[in-house]
């Protein structure tokens, strides 16, 4: 009876059970409902890109994520960007531009 909340947060496991209890009589329901769930973990941060300075431009080149990790790396214009538009291996930047590389589980 420790948790009568309408929601529960889990960080491990795969099945949660729910039973009803009559608070007046203290009796429990004969059946329980089960909920099967899975947990999606945040991917590891991408490796730092290689920086190549050319006359007037800078090229950032990334390695590739482990193909079995089910992760894609995306170039972003902000540290918390969520764009999935640029998965290029490299980006060419001009002065004053700052780029970030973020990982996303597929």
C-alpha atoms as a PDB file:
ATOM      1  CA  UNK A   1       0.000   0.000   0.000  1.00  0.00           C
ATOM      2  CA  UNK A   2       3.053   2.257  -0.138  1.00  0.00           C
ATOM      3  CA  UNK A   3       2.271   3.615  -3.629  1.00  0.00           C
ATOM      4  CA  UNK A   4      -1.265   4.601  -4.603  1.00  0.00           C
ATOM      5  CA  UNK A   5      -0.054   7.155  -7.146  1.00  0.00           C
ATOM      6  CA  UNK A   6      -1.597   7.267 -10.622  1.00  0.00           C
ATOM      7  CA  UNK A   7       1.904   7.040 -12.183  1.00  0.00           C
ATOM      8  CA  UNK A   8       5.149   5.226 -11.442  1.00  0.00           C
ATOM      9  CA  UNK A   9       8.695   5.802 -12.706  1.00  0.00           C
ATOM     10  CA  UNK A  10      10.883   2.747 -13.277  1.00  0.00           C
ATOM     11  CA  UNK A  11      14.609   2.562 -14.064  1.00  0.00           C
ATOM     12  CA  UNK A  12      14.853  -1.221 -14.406  1.00  0.00           C
ATOM     13  CA  UNK A  13      12.684  -4.318 -14.672  1.00  0.00           C
ATOM     14  CA  UNK A  14      10.167  -5.235 -17.357  1.00  0.00           C
ATOM     15  CA  UNK A  15       6.789  -5.942 -15.670  1.00  0.00           C
ATOM     16  CA  UNK A  16       4.766  -4.015 -13.111  1.00  0.00           C
ATOM     17  CA  UNK A  17       1.611  -5.366 -11.390  1.00  0.00           C
ATOM     18  CA  UNK A  18      -1.413  -3.395 -10.235  1.00  0.00           C
ATOM     19  CA  UNK A  19      -4.046  -4.640  -7.747  1.00  0.00           C
ATOM     20  CA  UNK A  20      -7.091  -2.992  -6.214  1.00  0.00           C
ATOM     21  CA  UNK A  21      -7.652  -2.781  -2.438  1.00  0.00           C
ATOM     22  CA  UNK A  22     -10.808  -1.862  -0.574  1.00  0.00           C
ATOM     23  CA  UNK A  23      -9.614   0.545   2.122  1.00  0.00           C
ATOM     24  CA  UNK A  24     -12.716  -0.036   4.270  1.00  0.00           C
ATOM     25  CA  UNK A  25     -12.414  -3.839   4.449  1.00  0.00           C
ATOM     26  CA  UNK A  26      -8.716  -4.262   3.731  1.00  0.00           C
ATOM     27  CA  UNK A  27      -9.554  -6.864   1.065  1.00  0.00           C
ATOM     28  CA  UNK A  28      -7.526  -7.146  -2.151  1.00  0.00           C
ATOM     29  CA  UNK A  29      -8.833  -7.868  -5.642  1.00  0.00           C
ATOM     30  CA  UNK A  30      -8.414 -11.481  -6.771  1.00  0.00           C
ATOM     31  CA  UNK A  31      -6.834 -10.458 -10.075  1.00  0.00           C
ATOM     32  CA  UNK A  32      -4.008  -8.131 -10.860  1.00  0.00           C
ATOM     33  CA  UNK A  33      -3.275  -6.215 -14.034  1.00  0.00           C
ATOM     34  CA  UNK A  34       0.225  -6.403 -15.448  1.00  0.00           C
ATOM     35  CA  UNK A  35       1.979  -3.842 -17.590  1.00  0.00           C
ATOM     36  CA  UNK A  36       4.995  -4.898 -19.658  1.00  0.00           C
ATOM     37  CA  UNK A  37       7.436  -2.109 -20.431  1.00  0.00           C
ATOM     38  CA  UNK A  38      10.908  -1.435 -21.734  1.00  0.00           C
ATOM     39  CA  UNK A  39      13.353   1.321 -20.881  1.00  0.00           C
ATOM     40  CA  UNK A  40      15.124   3.367 -23.555  1.00  0.00           C
ATOM     41  CA  UNK A  41      18.525   4.470 -22.313  1.00  0.00           C
ATOM     42  CA  UNK A  42      20.221   7.661 -23.398  1.00  0.00           C
ATOM     43  CA  UNK A  43      23.072   7.031 -25.829  1.00  0.00           C
ATOM     44  CA  UNK A  44      26.674   7.860 -24.998  1.00  0.00           C
ATOM     45  CA  UNK A  45      28.008  11.198 -26.189  1.00  0.00           C
ATOM     46  CA  UNK A  46      29.631  11.159 -29.646  1.00  0.00           C
ATOM     47  CA  UNK A  47      33.403  11.215 -29.915  1.00  0.00           C
ATOM     48  CA  UNK A  48      34.953  14.632 -30.530  1.00  0.00           C
ATOM     49  CA  UNK A  49      35.282  15.455 -34.234  1.00  0.00           C
ATOM     50  CA  UNK A  50      38.571  16.067 -36.007  1.00  0.00           C
ATOM     51  CA  UNK A  51      39.137  19.771 -36.730  1.00  0.00           C
ATOM     52  CA  UNK A  52      40.875  20.815 -39.944  1.00  0.00           C
ATOM     53  CA  UNK A  53      41.562  24.524 -40.485  1.00  0.00           C
ATOM     54  CA  UNK A  54      41.654  25.665 -44.103  1.00  0.00           C
ATOM     55  CA  UNK A  55      42.095  29.196 -45.374  1.00  0.00           C
ATOM     56  CA  UNK A  56      38.851  30.888 -44.297  1.00  0.00           C
ATOM     57  CA  UNK A  57      36.968  27.717 -43.343  1.00  0.00           C
ATOM     58  CA  UNK A  58      37.085  24.975 -40.747  1.00  0.00           C
ATOM     59  CA  UNK A  59      36.040  21.389 -41.463  1.00  0.00           C
ATOM     60  CA  UNK A  60      34.689  19.235 -38.636  1.00  0.00           C
ATOM     61  CA  UNK A  61      34.847  15.510 -39.406  1.00  0.00           C
ATOM     62  CA  UNK A  62      33.219  12.925 -37.172  1.00  0.00           C
ATOM     63  CA  UNK A  63      33.807   9.225 -36.837  1.00  0.00           C
ATOM     64  CA  UNK A  64      30.876   6.821 -37.065  1.00  0.00           C
ATOM     65  CA  UNK A  65      28.945   5.423 -34.101  1.00  0.00           C
ATOM     66  CA  UNK A  66      29.177   1.716 -33.427  1.00  0.00           C
ATOM     67  CA  UNK A  67      26.769   0.138 -35.977  1.00  0.00           C
ATOM     68  CA  UNK A  68      25.347  -2.233 -33.350  1.00  0.00           C
ATOM     69  CA  UNK A  69      24.489   0.620 -30.949  1.00  0.00           C
ATOM     70  CA  UNK A  70      21.344   1.671 -32.890  1.00  0.00           C
ATOM     71  CA  UNK A  71      22.472   5.307 -32.551  1.00  0.00           C
ATOM     72  CA  UNK A  72      22.759   8.109 -35.125  1.00  0.00           C
ATOM     73  CA  UNK A  73      24.921  11.215 -34.667  1.00  0.00           C
ATOM     74  CA  UNK A  74      23.510  14.590 -35.778  1.00  0.00           C
ATOM     75  CA  UNK A  75      25.174  17.974 -36.231  1.00  0.00           C
ATOM     76  CA  UNK A  76      23.416  20.732 -34.255  1.00  0.00           C
ATOM     77  CA  UNK A  77      23.651  24.511 -34.093  1.00  0.00           C
ATOM     78  CA  UNK A  78      22.863  24.539 -30.330  1.00  0.00           C
ATOM     79  CA  UNK A  79      24.047  22.356 -27.451  1.00  0.00           C
ATOM     80  CA  UNK A  80      20.491  21.100 -26.882  1.00  0.00           C
ATOM     81  CA  UNK A  81      19.461  20.868 -30.550  1.00  0.00           C
ATOM     82  CA  UNK A  82      17.036  18.168 -31.672  1.00  0.00           C
ATOM     83  CA  UNK A  83      17.290  18.456 -35.449  1.00  0.00           C
ATOM     84  CA  UNK A  84      17.644  15.169 -37.315  1.00  0.00           C
ATOM     85  CA  UNK A  85      18.442  16.883 -40.594  1.00  0.00           C
ATOM     86  CA  UNK A  86      22.231  16.579 -40.802  1.00  0.00           C
ATOM     87  CA  UNK A  87      23.964  13.221 -40.427  1.00  0.00           C
ATOM     88  CA  UNK A  88      26.856  14.137 -42.746  1.00  0.00           C
ATOM     89  CA  UNK A  89      30.293  12.848 -41.881  1.00  0.00           C
ATOM     90  CA  UNK A  90      31.651  16.398 -41.998  1.00  0.00           C
ATOM     91  CA  UNK A  91      30.534  20.026 -41.953  1.00  0.00           C
ATOM     92  CA  UNK A  92      32.385  23.049 -43.317  1.00  0.00           C
ATOM     93  CA  UNK A  93      32.111  26.169 -41.166  1.00  0.00           C
ATOM     94  CA  UNK A  94      32.922  29.820 -41.685  1.00  0.00           C
ATOM     95  CA  UNK A  95      34.095  32.220 -38.993  1.00  0.00           C
ATOM     96  CA  UNK A  96      31.887  32.702 -35.964  1.00  0.00           C
ATOM     97  CA  UNK A  97      29.929  29.481 -36.351  1.00  0.00           C
ATOM     98  CA  UNK A  98      29.687  27.006 -33.496  1.00  0.00           C
ATOM     99  CA  UNK A  99      28.492  23.418 -34.049  1.00  0.00           C
ATOM    100  CA  UNK A 100      27.638  20.519 -31.782  1.00  0.00           C
ATOM    101  CA  UNK A 101      27.425  16.780 -32.359  1.00  0.00           C
ATOM    102  CA  UNK A 102      24.605  14.930 -30.554  1.00  0.00           C
ATOM    103  CA  UNK A 103      23.670  11.265 -30.361  1.00  0.00           C
ATOM    104  CA  UNK A 104      20.112   9.948 -30.713  1.00  0.00           C
ATOM    105  CA  UNK A 105      18.857   6.389 -30.191  1.00  0.00           C
ATOM    106  CA  UNK A 106      17.006   5.236 -33.314  1.00  0.00           C
END
